[in-house]
Amino acid sequence: MISLAHAQSAAAAADPMSSLTQMLPLILMFVVLWFLMIRPQMKKAKEHKALLAALTKGDEVVTQGGIVGRVSKVGDSYVNVEIATGTDVVVQKPAIVLVLPKGTLKSL
């Protein structure tokens, strides 16, 4: 009886295909996760970084809080946004989520 048990465990350990087939679902799940979640988020972050780098005075922007205004001054990490005539708000650059087309804000 004992010799049969040793023979069975030795045969199972020698089969490299069984370990590959066990790892295949895990590898497949990682590939699907990469293409459906990680890659699009990286692309969106890259586009947002380019948007922030291209900010200039006079751009019309929307912040995360929903404030709409015109950029009056651009610094390294902060932006002054004019929300009304003579009223400037200082916001961090990453808080700007959207640059509107020119001429969207006519009331400022």
PDB file of N, CA and C in Angstrom:
ATOM      1  N   MET A   1       0.804  -1.197   0.000  1.00  0.00           N
ATOM      2  CA  MET A   1       0.000   0.000   0.000  1.00  0.00           C
ATOM      3  C   MET A   1       0.847   1.262   0.000  1.00  0.00           C
ATOM      4  N   ILE A   2       1.868   1.297   0.819  1.00  0.00           N
ATOM      5  CA  ILE A   2       2.690   2.499   0.917  1.00  0.00           C
ATOM      6  C   ILE A   2       3.447   2.730  -0.388  1.00  0.00           C
ATOM      7  N   SER A   3       3.933   1.702  -1.022  1.00  0.00           N
ATOM      8  CA  SER A   3       4.671   1.868  -2.277  1.00  0.00           C
ATOM      9  C   SER A   3       3.749   2.408  -3.375  1.00  0.00           C
ATOM     10  N   LEU A   4       2.458   2.044  -3.363  1.00  0.00           N
ATOM     11  CA  LEU A   4       1.527   2.577  -4.362  1.00  0.00           C
ATOM     12  C   LEU A   4       1.310   4.077  -4.156  1.00  0.00           C
ATOM     13  N   ALA A   5       1.246   4.501  -2.930  1.00  0.00           N
ATOM     14  CA  ALA A   5       1.039   5.912  -2.648  1.00  0.00           C
ATOM     15  C   ALA A   5       2.229   6.745  -3.113  1.00  0.00           C
ATOM     16  N   HIS A   6       3.431   6.256  -2.911  1.00  0.00           N
ATOM     17  CA  HIS A   6       4.625   6.973  -3.370  1.00  0.00           C
ATOM     18  C   HIS A   6       4.669   7.027  -4.886  1.00  0.00           C
ATOM     19  N   ALA A   7       4.245   6.011  -5.528  1.00  0.00           N
ATOM     20  CA  ALA A   7       4.263   5.973  -6.984  1.00  0.00           C
ATOM     21  C   ALA A   7       3.266   6.984  -7.562  1.00  0.00           C
ATOM     22  N   GLN A   8       2.127   7.153  -6.920  1.00  0.00           N
ATOM     23  CA  GLN A   8       1.141   8.102  -7.426  1.00  0.00           C
ATOM     24  C   GLN A   8       1.615   9.547  -7.252  1.00  0.00           C
ATOM     25  N   SER A   9       2.216   9.879  -6.133  1.00  0.00           N
ATOM     26  CA  SER A   9       2.657  11.253  -5.904  1.00  0.00           C
ATOM     27  C   SER A   9       3.830  11.603  -6.812  1.00  0.00           C
ATOM     28  N   ALA A  10       4.681  10.691  -7.120  1.00  0.00           N
ATOM     29  CA  ALA A  10       5.809  10.942  -8.008  1.00  0.00           C
ATOM     30  C   ALA A  10       5.320  11.194  -9.426  1.00  0.00           C
ATOM     31  N   ALA A  11       4.312  10.503  -9.873  1.00  0.00           N
ATOM     32  CA  ALA A  11       3.792  10.698 -11.221  1.00  0.00           C
ATOM     33  C   ALA A  11       3.096  12.047 -11.341  1.00  0.00           C
ATOM     34  N   ALA A  12       2.393  12.469 -10.312  1.00  0.00           N
ATOM     35  CA  ALA A  12       1.676  13.741 -10.351  1.00  0.00           C
ATOM     36  C   ALA A  12       2.652  14.915 -10.323  1.00  0.00           C
ATOM     37  N   ALA A  13       3.747  14.815  -9.598  1.00  0.00           N
ATOM     38  CA  ALA A  13       4.711  15.894  -9.502  1.00  0.00           C
ATOM     39  C   ALA A  13       5.515  16.037 -10.782  1.00  0.00           C
ATOM     40  N   ALA A  14       5.631  15.012 -11.564  1.00  0.00           N
ATOM     41  CA  ALA A  14       6.441  15.043 -12.770  1.00  0.00           C
ATOM     42  C   ALA A  14       5.695  15.646 -13.962  1.00  0.00           C
ATOM     43  N   ASP A  15       4.417  15.930 -13.860  1.00  0.00           N
ATOM     44  CA  ASP A  15       3.627  16.443 -14.975  1.00  0.00           C
ATOM     45  C   ASP A  15       3.655  17.978 -14.996  1.00  0.00           C
ATOM     46  N   PRO A  16       4.441  18.614 -15.892  1.00  0.00           N
ATOM     47  CA  PRO A  16       4.515  20.074 -15.922  1.00  0.00           C
ATOM     48  C   PRO A  16       3.277  20.719 -16.556  1.00  0.00           C
ATOM     49  N   MET A  17       2.519  20.010 -17.338  1.00  0.00           N
ATOM     50  CA  MET A  17       1.335  20.573 -17.984  1.00  0.00           C
ATOM     51  C   MET A  17       0.229  20.881 -16.975  1.00  0.00           C
ATOM     52  N   SER A  18       0.147  20.124 -15.911  1.00  0.00           N
ATOM     53  CA  SER A  18      -0.902  20.380 -14.928  1.00  0.00           C
ATOM     54  C   SER A  18      -0.678  21.719 -14.222  1.00  0.00           C
ATOM     55  N   SER A  19       0.558  22.087 -13.942  1.00  0.00           N
ATOM     56  CA  SER A  19       0.827  23.381 -13.304  1.00  0.00           C
ATOM     57  C   SER A  19       0.547  24.531 -14.275  1.00  0.00           C
ATOM     58  N   LEU A  20       0.810  24.316 -15.549  1.00  0.00           N
ATOM     59  CA  LEU A  20       0.527  25.345 -16.552  1.00  0.00           C
ATOM     60  C   LEU A  20      -0.977  25.555 -16.711  1.00  0.00           C
ATOM     61  N   THR A  21      -1.718  24.475 -16.725  1.00  0.00           N
ATOM     62  CA  THR A  21      -3.170  24.609 -16.866  1.00  0.00           C
ATOM     63  C   THR A  21      -3.803  25.225 -15.613  1.00  0.00           C
ATOM     64  N   GLN A  22      -3.179  25.055 -14.475  1.00  0.00           N
ATOM     65  CA  GLN A  22      -3.674  25.698 -13.259  1.00  0.00           C
ATOM     66  C   GLN A  22      -3.387  27.199 -13.265  1.00  0.00           C
ATOM     67  N   MET A  23      -2.298  27.618 -13.855  1.00  0.00           N
ATOM     68  CA  MET A  23      -1.929  29.028 -13.902  1.00  0.00           C
ATOM     69  C   MET A  23      -2.609  29.773 -15.051  1.00  0.00           C
ATOM     70  N   LEU A  24      -3.088  29.073 -16.052  1.00  0.00           N
ATOM     71  CA  LEU A  24      -3.681  29.700 -17.227  1.00  0.00           C
ATOM     72  C   LEU A  24      -4.875  30.602 -16.904  1.00  0.00           C
ATOM     73  N   PRO A  25      -5.833  30.222 -16.071  1.00  0.00           N
ATOM     74  CA  PRO A  25      -6.934  31.138 -15.750  1.00  0.00           C
ATOM     75  C   PRO A  25      -6.468  32.421 -15.054  1.00  0.00           C
ATOM     76  N   LEU A  26      -5.475  32.314 -14.200  1.00  0.00           N
ATOM     77  CA  LEU A  26      -4.936  33.479 -13.513  1.00  0.00           C
ATOM     78  C   LEU A  26      -4.279  34.436 -14.507  1.00  0.00           C
ATOM     79  N   ILE A  27      -3.522  33.899 -15.428  1.00  0.00           N
ATOM     80  CA  ILE A  27      -2.873  34.717 -16.454  1.00  0.00           C
ATOM     81  C   ILE A  27      -3.920  35.367 -17.348  1.00  0.00           C
ATOM     82  N   LEU A  28      -4.921  34.617 -17.731  1.00  0.00           N
ATOM     83  CA  LEU A  28      -5.991  35.137 -18.571  1.00  0.00           C
ATOM     84  C   LEU A  28      -6.758  36.259 -17.866  1.00  0.00           C
ATOM     85  N   MET A  29      -7.025  36.108 -16.577  1.00  0.00           N
ATOM     86  CA  MET A  29      -7.719  37.146 -15.818  1.00  0.00           C
ATOM     87  C   MET A  29      -6.882  38.425 -15.749  1.00  0.00           C
ATOM     88  N   PHE A  30      -5.571  38.297 -15.584  1.00  0.00           N
ATOM     89  CA  PHE A  30      -4.706  39.466 -15.544  1.00  0.00           C
ATOM     90  C   PHE A  30      -4.692  40.194 -16.890  1.00  0.00           C
ATOM     91  N   VAL A  31      -4.662  39.453 -17.983  1.00  0.00           N
ATOM     92  CA  VAL A  31      -4.670  40.069 -19.318  1.00  0.00           C
ATOM     93  C   VAL A  31      -5.981  40.825 -19.544  1.00  0.00           C
ATOM     94  N   VAL A  32      -7.095  40.233 -19.189  1.00  0.00           N
ATOM     95  CA  VAL A  32      -8.393  40.895 -19.341  1.00  0.00           C
ATOM     96  C   VAL A  32      -8.443  42.145 -18.462  1.00  0.00           C
ATOM     97  N   LEU A  33      -7.971  42.057 -17.226  1.00  0.00           N
ATOM     98  CA  LEU A  33      -7.933  43.198 -16.318  1.00  0.00           C
ATOM     99  C   LEU A  33      -7.079  44.324 -16.899  1.00  0.00           C
ATOM    100  N   TRP A  34      -5.955  43.987 -17.500  1.00  0.00           N
ATOM    101  CA  TRP A  34      -5.068  44.977 -18.083  1.00  0.00           C
ATOM    102  C   TRP A  34      -5.763  45.748 -19.206  1.00  0.00           C
ATOM    103  N   PHE A  35      -6.408  45.027 -20.119  1.00  0.00           N
ATOM    104  CA  PHE A  35      -7.004  45.686 -21.279  1.00  0.00           C
ATOM    105  C   PHE A  35      -8.323  46.383 -20.971  1.00  0.00           C
ATOM    106  N   LEU A  36      -9.049  45.957 -19.947  1.00  0.00           N
ATOM    107  CA  LEU A  36     -10.335  46.572 -19.647  1.00  0.00           C
ATOM    108  C   LEU A  36     -10.281  47.659 -18.589  1.00  0.00           C
ATOM    109  N   MET A  37      -9.289  47.623 -17.693  1.00  0.00           N
ATOM    110  CA  MET A  37      -9.270  48.593 -16.596  1.00  0.00           C
ATOM    111  C   MET A  37      -7.992  49.425 -16.531  1.00  0.00           C
ATOM    112  N   ILE A  38      -6.853  48.796 -16.510  1.00  0.00           N
ATOM    113  CA  ILE A  38      -5.609  49.513 -16.249  1.00  0.00           C
ATOM    114  C   ILE A  38      -5.199  50.375 -17.441  1.00  0.00           C
ATOM    115  N   ARG A  39      -5.233  49.822 -18.622  1.00  0.00           N
ATOM    116  CA  ARG A  39      -4.797  50.547 -19.821  1.00  0.00           C
ATOM    117  C   ARG A  39      -5.653  51.784 -20.100  1.00  0.00           C
ATOM    118  N   PRO A  40      -6.994  51.710 -20.051  1.00  0.00           N
ATOM    119  CA  PRO A  40      -7.781  52.928 -20.270  1.00  0.00           C
ATOM    120  C   PRO A  40      -7.548  54.011 -19.221  1.00  0.00           C
ATOM    121  N   GLN A  41      -7.329  53.617 -17.966  1.00  0.00           N
ATOM    122  CA  GLN A  41      -7.059  54.605 -16.923  1.00  0.00           C
ATOM    123  C   GLN A  41      -5.727  55.299 -17.154  1.00  0.00           C
ATOM    124  N   MET A  42      -4.731  54.554 -17.602  1.00  0.00           N
ATOM    125  CA  MET A  42      -3.434  55.154 -17.897  1.00  0.00           C
ATOM    126  C   MET A  42      -3.551  56.133 -19.066  1.00  0.00           C
ATOM    127  N   LYS A  43      -4.354  55.783 -20.063  1.00  0.00           N
ATOM    128  CA  LYS A  43      -4.551  56.654 -21.215  1.00  0.00           C
ATOM    129  C   LYS A  43      -5.258  57.944 -20.802  1.00  0.00           C
ATOM    130  N   LYS A  44      -6.273  57.834 -19.961  1.00  0.00           N
ATOM    131  CA  LYS A  44      -7.012  59.009 -19.495  1.00  0.00           C
ATOM    132  C   LYS A  44      -6.111  59.912 -18.651  1.00  0.00           C
ATOM    133  N   ALA A  45      -5.275  59.332 -17.794  1.00  0.00           N
ATOM    134  CA  ALA A  45      -4.357  60.116 -16.964  1.00  0.00           C
ATOM    135  C   ALA A  45      -3.337  60.855 -17.838  1.00  0.00           C
ATOM    136  N   LYS A  46      -2.890  60.220 -18.890  1.00  0.00           N
ATOM    137  CA  LYS A  46      -1.938  60.850 -19.803  1.00  0.00           C
ATOM    138  C   LYS A  46      -2.587  62.027 -20.529  1.00  0.00           C
ATOM    139  N   GLU A  47      -3.837  61.877 -20.948  1.00  0.00           N
ATOM    140  CA  GLU A  47      -4.557  62.964 -21.612  1.00  0.00           C
ATOM    141  C   GLU A  47      -4.785  64.136 -20.656  1.00  0.00           C
ATOM    142  N   HIS A  48      -5.122  63.846 -19.389  1.00  0.00           N
ATOM    143  CA  HIS A  48      -5.346  64.906 -18.399  1.00  0.00           C
ATOM    144  C   HIS A  48      -4.055  65.663 -18.122  1.00  0.00           C
ATOM    145  N   LYS A  49      -2.944  64.947 -18.067  1.00  0.00           N
ATOM    146  CA  LYS A  49      -1.651  65.585 -17.833  1.00  0.00           C
ATOM    147  C   LYS A  49      -1.300  66.516 -19.000  1.00  0.00           C
ATOM    148  N   ALA A  50      -1.592  66.085 -20.229  1.00  0.00           N
ATOM    149  CA  ALA A  50      -1.343  66.932 -21.395  1.00  0.00           C
ATOM    150  C   ALA A  50      -2.257  68.158 -21.379  1.00  0.00           C
ATOM    151  N   LEU A  51      -3.501  67.998 -20.933  1.00  0.00           N
ATOM    152  CA  LEU A  51      -4.438  69.108 -20.836  1.00  0.00           C
ATOM    153  C   LEU A  51      -3.920  70.151 -19.860  1.00  0.00           C
ATOM    154  N   LEU A  52      -3.411  69.715 -18.721  1.00  0.00           N
ATOM    155  CA  LEU A  52      -2.889  70.643 -17.715  1.00  0.00           C
ATOM    156  C   LEU A  52      -1.623  71.341 -18.196  1.00  0.00           C
ATOM    157  N   ALA A  53      -0.804  70.637 -18.937  1.00  0.00           N
ATOM    158  CA  ALA A  53       0.432  71.236 -19.436  1.00  0.00           C
ATOM    159  C   ALA A  53       0.146  72.298 -20.499  1.00  0.00           C
ATOM    160  N   ALA A  54      -0.967  72.163 -21.212  1.00  0.00           N
ATOM    161  CA  ALA A  54      -1.306  73.092 -22.288  1.00  0.00           C
ATOM    162  C   ALA A  54      -2.152  74.284 -21.823  1.00  0.00           C
ATOM    163  N   LEU A  55      -2.422  74.399 -20.521  1.00  0.00           N
ATOM    164  CA  LEU A  55      -3.223  75.518 -20.014  1.00  0.00           C
ATOM    165  C   LEU A  55      -2.512  76.844 -20.251  1.00  0.00           C
ATOM    166  N   THR A  56      -3.267  77.812 -20.754  1.00  0.00           N
ATOM    167  CA  THR A  56      -2.720  79.151 -20.969  1.00  0.00           C
ATOM    168  C   THR A  56      -3.716  80.188 -20.468  1.00  0.00           C
ATOM    169  N   LYS A  57      -3.242  81.405 -20.344  1.00  0.00           N
ATOM    170  CA  LYS A  57      -4.105  82.516 -19.912  1.00  0.00           C
ATOM    171  C   LYS A  57      -5.189  82.721 -20.969  1.00  0.00           C
ATOM    172  N   GLY A  58      -6.429  82.853 -20.501  1.00  0.00           N
ATOM    173  CA  GLY A  58      -7.550  83.058 -21.407  1.00  0.00           C
ATOM    174  C   GLY A  58      -8.355  81.802 -21.697  1.00  0.00           C
ATOM    175  N   ASP A  59      -7.848  80.640 -21.316  1.00  0.00           N
ATOM    176  CA  ASP A  59      -8.609  79.394 -21.503  1.00  0.00           C
ATOM    177  C   ASP A  59      -9.827  79.394 -20.595  1.00  0.00           C
ATOM    178  N   GLU A  60     -10.919  78.862 -21.077  1.00  0.00           N
ATOM    179  CA  GLU A  60     -12.142  78.744 -20.283  1.00  0.00           C
ATOM    180  C   GLU A  60     -12.211  77.317 -19.758  1.00  0.00           C
ATOM    181  N   VAL A  61     -12.317  77.179 -18.428  1.00  0.00           N
ATOM    182  CA  VAL A  61     -12.172  75.873 -17.789  1.00  0.00           C
ATOM    183  C   VAL A  61     -13.324  75.578 -16.834  1.00  0.00           C
ATOM    184  N   VAL A  62     -13.437  74.282 -16.495  1.00  0.00           N
ATOM    185  CA  VAL A  62     -14.369  73.806 -15.475  1.00  0.00           C
ATOM    186  C   VAL A  62     -13.539  73.063 -14.436  1.00  0.00           C
ATOM    187  N   THR A  63     -13.791  73.348 -13.144  1.00  0.00           N
ATOM    188  CA  THR A  63     -13.061  72.671 -12.080  1.00  0.00           C
ATOM    189  C   THR A  63     -13.851  71.458 -11.589  1.00  0.00           C
ATOM    190  N   GLN A  64     -13.234  70.682 -10.714  1.00  0.00           N
ATOM    191  CA  GLN A  64     -13.902  69.512 -10.139  1.00  0.00           C
ATOM    192  C   GLN A  64     -15.143  69.894  -9.359  1.00  0.00           C
ATOM    193  N   GLY A  65     -15.142  71.059  -8.759  1.00  0.00           N
ATOM    194  CA  GLY A  65     -16.279  71.515  -7.977  1.00  0.00           C
ATOM    195  C   GLY A  65     -17.391  72.104  -8.817  1.00  0.00           C
ATOM    196  N   GLY A  66     -17.175  72.194 -10.131  1.00  0.00           N
ATOM    197  CA  GLY A  66     -18.197  72.724 -11.014  1.00  0.00           C
ATOM    198  C   GLY A  66     -18.083  74.211 -11.271  1.00  0.00           C
ATOM    199  N   ILE A  67     -17.017  74.833 -10.796  1.00  0.00           N
ATOM    200  CA  ILE A  67     -16.817  76.262 -11.029  1.00  0.00           C
ATOM    201  C   ILE A  67     -16.350  76.459 -12.466  1.00  0.00           C
ATOM    202  N   VAL A  68     -17.007  77.385 -13.158  1.00  0.00           N
ATOM    203  CA  VAL A  68     -16.665  77.686 -14.543  1.00  0.00           C
ATOM    204  C   VAL A  68     -16.062  79.078 -14.584  1.00  0.00           C
ATOM    205  N   GLY A  69     -14.926  79.214 -15.279  1.00  0.00           N
ATOM    206  CA  GLY A  69     -14.300  80.532 -15.352  1.00  0.00           C
ATOM    207  C   GLY A  69     -13.216  80.568 -16.399  1.00  0.00           C
ATOM    208  N   ARG A  70     -12.555  81.714 -16.447  1.00  0.00           N
ATOM    209  CA  ARG A  70     -11.491  81.942 -17.426  1.00  0.00           C
ATOM    210  C   ARG A  70     -10.166  82.016 -16.673  1.00  0.00           C
ATOM    211  N   VAL A  71      -9.139  81.370 -17.189  1.00  0.00           N
ATOM    212  CA  VAL A  71      -7.819  81.352 -16.561  1.00  0.00           C
ATOM    213  C   VAL A  71      -7.204  82.738 -16.697  1.00  0.00           C
ATOM    214  N   SER A  72      -6.798  83.315 -15.553  1.00  0.00           N
ATOM    215  CA  SER A  72      -6.177  84.631 -15.584  1.00  0.00           C
ATOM    216  C   SER A  72      -4.677  84.559 -15.296  1.00  0.00           C
ATOM    217  N   LYS A  73      -4.226  83.498 -14.661  1.00  0.00           N
ATOM    218  CA  LYS A  73      -2.800  83.346 -14.358  1.00  0.00           C
ATOM    219  C   LYS A  73      -2.508  81.861 -14.175  1.00  0.00           C
ATOM    220  N   VAL A  74      -1.397  81.401 -14.752  1.00  0.00           N
ATOM    221  CA  VAL A  74      -0.999  80.000 -14.641  1.00  0.00           C
ATOM    222  C   VAL A  74       0.339  79.930 -13.931  1.00  0.00           C
ATOM    223  N   GLY A  75       0.381  79.172 -12.827  1.00  0.00           N
ATOM    224  CA  GLY A  75       1.621  78.957 -12.102  1.00  0.00           C
ATOM    225  C   GLY A  75       2.075  77.516 -12.271  1.00  0.00           C
ATOM    226  N   ASP A  76       3.058  77.116 -11.462  1.00  0.00           N
ATOM    227  CA  ASP A  76       3.559  75.739 -11.543  1.00  0.00           C
ATOM    228  C   ASP A  76       2.527  74.729 -11.057  1.00  0.00           C
ATOM    229  N   SER A  77       1.902  75.019  -9.916  1.00  0.00           N
ATOM    230  CA  SER A  77       0.938  74.064  -9.381  1.00  0.00           C
ATOM    231  C   SER A  77      -0.429  74.685  -9.089  1.00  0.00           C
ATOM    232  N   TYR A  78      -0.562  76.005  -9.271  1.00  0.00           N
ATOM    233  CA  TYR A  78      -1.831  76.676  -9.032  1.00  0.00           C
ATOM    234  C   TYR A  78      -2.243  77.500 -10.248  1.00  0.00           C
ATOM    235  N   VAL A  79      -3.544  77.706 -10.380  1.00  0.00           N
ATOM    236  CA  VAL A  79      -4.103  78.482 -11.482  1.00  0.00           C
ATOM    237  C   VAL A  79      -5.102  79.475 -10.897  1.00  0.00           C
ATOM    238  N   ASN A  80      -5.043  80.724 -11.334  1.00  0.00           N
ATOM    239  CA  ASN A  80      -6.053  81.706 -10.959  1.00  0.00           C
ATOM    240  C   ASN A  80      -7.154  81.649 -11.999  1.00  0.00           C
ATOM    241  N   VAL A  81      -8.395  81.460 -11.541  1.00  0.00           N
ATOM    242  CA  VAL A  81      -9.548  81.372 -12.431  1.00  0.00           C
ATOM    243  C   VAL A  81     -10.469  82.543 -12.118  1.00  0.00           C
ATOM    244  N   GLU A  82     -10.759  83.349 -13.126  1.00  0.00           N
ATOM    245  CA  GLU A  82     -11.667  84.481 -12.969  1.00  0.00           C
ATOM    246  C   GLU A  82     -13.092  83.967 -13.171  1.00  0.00           C
ATOM    247  N   ILE A  83     -13.896  83.997 -12.092  1.00  0.00           N
ATOM    248  CA  ILE A  83     -15.257  83.466 -12.167  1.00  0.00           C
ATOM    249  C   ILE A  83     -16.284  84.564 -12.402  1.00  0.00           C
ATOM    250  N   ALA A  84     -15.906  85.810 -12.140  1.00  0.00           N
ATOM    251  CA  ALA A  84     -16.732  86.980 -12.424  1.00  0.00           C
ATOM    252  C   ALA A  84     -15.767  88.144 -12.612  1.00  0.00           C
ATOM    253  N   THR A  85     -16.244  89.231 -13.140  1.00  0.00           N
ATOM    254  CA  THR A  85     -15.377  90.381 -13.368  1.00  0.00           C
ATOM    255  C   THR A  85     -14.794  90.856 -12.043  1.00  0.00           C
ATOM    256  N   GLY A  86     -13.475  90.801 -11.939  1.00  0.00           N
ATOM    257  CA  GLY A  86     -12.790  91.228 -10.732  1.00  0.00           C
ATOM    258  C   GLY A  86     -12.746  90.197  -9.622  1.00  0.00           C
ATOM    259  N   THR A  87     -13.245  88.983  -9.850  1.00  0.00           N
ATOM    260  CA  THR A  87     -13.247  87.938  -8.820  1.00  0.00           C
ATOM    261  C   THR A  87     -12.421  86.748  -9.293  1.00  0.00           C
ATOM    262  N   ASP A  88     -11.268  86.568  -8.642  1.00  0.00           N
ATOM    263  CA  ASP A  88     -10.389  85.452  -8.984  1.00  0.00           C
ATOM    264  C   ASP A  88     -10.413  84.405  -7.881  1.00  0.00           C
ATOM    265  N   VAL A  89     -10.338  83.156  -8.281  1.00  0.00           N
ATOM    266  CA  VAL A  89     -10.258  82.028  -7.352  1.00  0.00           C
ATOM    267  C   VAL A  89      -8.986  81.271  -7.685  1.00  0.00           C
ATOM    268  N   VAL A  90      -8.219  80.911  -6.661  1.00  0.00           N
ATOM    269  CA  VAL A  90      -7.000  80.138  -6.868  1.00  0.00           C
ATOM    270  C   VAL A  90      -7.334  78.664  -6.675  1.00  0.00           C
ATOM    271  N   VAL A  91      -7.039  77.849  -7.690  1.00  0.00           N
ATOM    272  CA  VAL A  91      -7.281  76.408  -7.608  1.00  0.00           C
ATOM    273  C   VAL A  91      -6.004  75.660  -7.986  1.00  0.00           C
ATOM    274  N   GLN A  92      -5.895  74.442  -7.502  1.00  0.00           N
ATOM    275  CA  GLN A  92      -4.770  73.608  -7.891  1.00  0.00           C
ATOM    276  C   GLN A  92      -4.969  73.142  -9.327  1.00  0.00           C
ATOM    277  N   LYS A  93      -3.876  72.948 -10.037  1.00  0.00           N
ATOM    278  CA  LYS A  93      -3.969  72.522 -11.435  1.00  0.00           C
ATOM    279  C   LYS A  93      -4.736  71.215 -11.626  1.00  0.00           C
ATOM    280  N   PRO A  94      -4.493  70.186 -10.792  1.00  0.00           N
ATOM    281  CA  PRO A  94      -5.230  68.928 -11.010  1.00  0.00           C
ATOM    282  C   PRO A  94      -6.735  69.045 -10.808  1.00  0.00           C
ATOM    283  N   ALA A  95      -7.207  70.151 -10.207  1.00  0.00           N
ATOM    284  CA  ALA A  95      -8.643  70.336  -9.998  1.00  0.00           C
ATOM    285  C   ALA A  95      -9.358  70.744 -11.276  1.00  0.00           C
ATOM    286  N   ILE A  96      -8.611  71.110 -12.306  1.00  0.00           N
ATOM    287  CA  ILE A  96      -9.228  71.478 -13.582  1.00  0.00           C
ATOM    288  C   ILE A  96      -9.467  70.197 -14.375  1.00  0.00           C
ATOM    289  N   VAL A  97     -10.727  69.990 -14.748  1.00  0.00           N
ATOM    290  CA  VAL A  97     -11.084  68.734 -15.409  1.00  0.00           C
ATOM    291  C   VAL A  97     -11.433  68.899 -16.882  1.00  0.00           C
ATOM    292  N   LEU A  98     -11.723  70.138 -17.310  1.00  0.00           N
ATOM    293  CA  LEU A  98     -12.191  70.319 -18.675  1.00  0.00           C
ATOM    294  C   LEU A  98     -11.833  71.714 -19.162  1.00  0.00           C
ATOM    295  N   VAL A  99     -11.363  71.785 -20.398  1.00  0.00           N
ATOM    296  CA  VAL A  99     -11.143  73.071 -21.050  1.00  0.00           C
ATOM    297  C   VAL A  99     -12.260  73.244 -22.064  1.00  0.00           C
ATOM    298  N   LEU A 100     -13.027  74.317 -21.905  1.00  0.00           N
ATOM    299  CA  LEU A 100     -14.158  74.579 -22.789  1.00  0.00           C
ATOM    300  C   LEU A 100     -13.690  75.235 -24.089  1.00  0.00           C
ATOM    301  N   PRO A 101     -14.478  75.120 -25.143  1.00  0.00           N
ATOM    302  CA  PRO A 101     -14.142  75.809 -26.390  1.00  0.00           C
ATOM    303  C   PRO A 101     -14.157  77.328 -26.185  1.00  0.00           C
ATOM    304  N   LYS A 102     -13.327  78.037 -26.935  1.00  0.00           N
ATOM    305  CA  LYS A 102     -13.266  79.500 -26.823  1.00  0.00           C
ATOM    306  C   LYS A 102     -14.621  80.111 -27.136  1.00  0.00           C
ATOM    307  N   GLY A 103     -15.007  81.106 -26.361  1.00  0.00           N
ATOM    308  CA  GLY A 103     -16.263  81.797 -26.580  1.00  0.00           C
ATOM    309  C   GLY A 103     -17.454  81.192 -25.863  1.00  0.00           C
ATOM    310  N   THR A 104     -17.244  80.155 -25.062  1.00  0.00           N
ATOM    311  CA  THR A 104     -18.326  79.544 -24.309  1.00  0.00           C
ATOM    312  C   THR A 104     -18.853  80.488 -23.238  1.00  0.00           C
ATOM    313  N   LEU A 105     -17.937  81.167 -22.562  1.00  0.00           N
ATOM    314  CA  LEU A 105     -18.306  82.107 -21.497  1.00  0.00           C
ATOM    315  C   LEU A 105     -18.369  83.507 -22.081  1.00  0.00           C
ATOM    316  N   LYS A 106     -19.522  84.029 -22.200  1.00  0.00           N
ATOM    317  CA  LYS A 106     -19.669  85.378 -22.745  1.00  0.00           C
ATOM    318  C   LYS A 106     -19.934  86.404 -21.647  1.00  0.00           C
ATOM    319  N   SER A 107     -20.351  85.956 -20.463  1.00  0.00           N
ATOM    320  CA  SER A 107     -20.736  86.887 -19.411  1.00  0.00           C
ATOM    321  C   SER A 107     -19.556  87.459 -18.651  1.00  0.00           C
ATOM    322  N   LEU A 108     -18.366  86.885 -18.784  1.00  0.00           N
ATOM    323  CA  LEU A 108     -17.199  87.401 -18.042  1.00  0.00           C
ATOM    324  C   LEU A 108     -16.616  88.591 -18.704  1.00  0.00           C
TER     325      LEU A 108
END
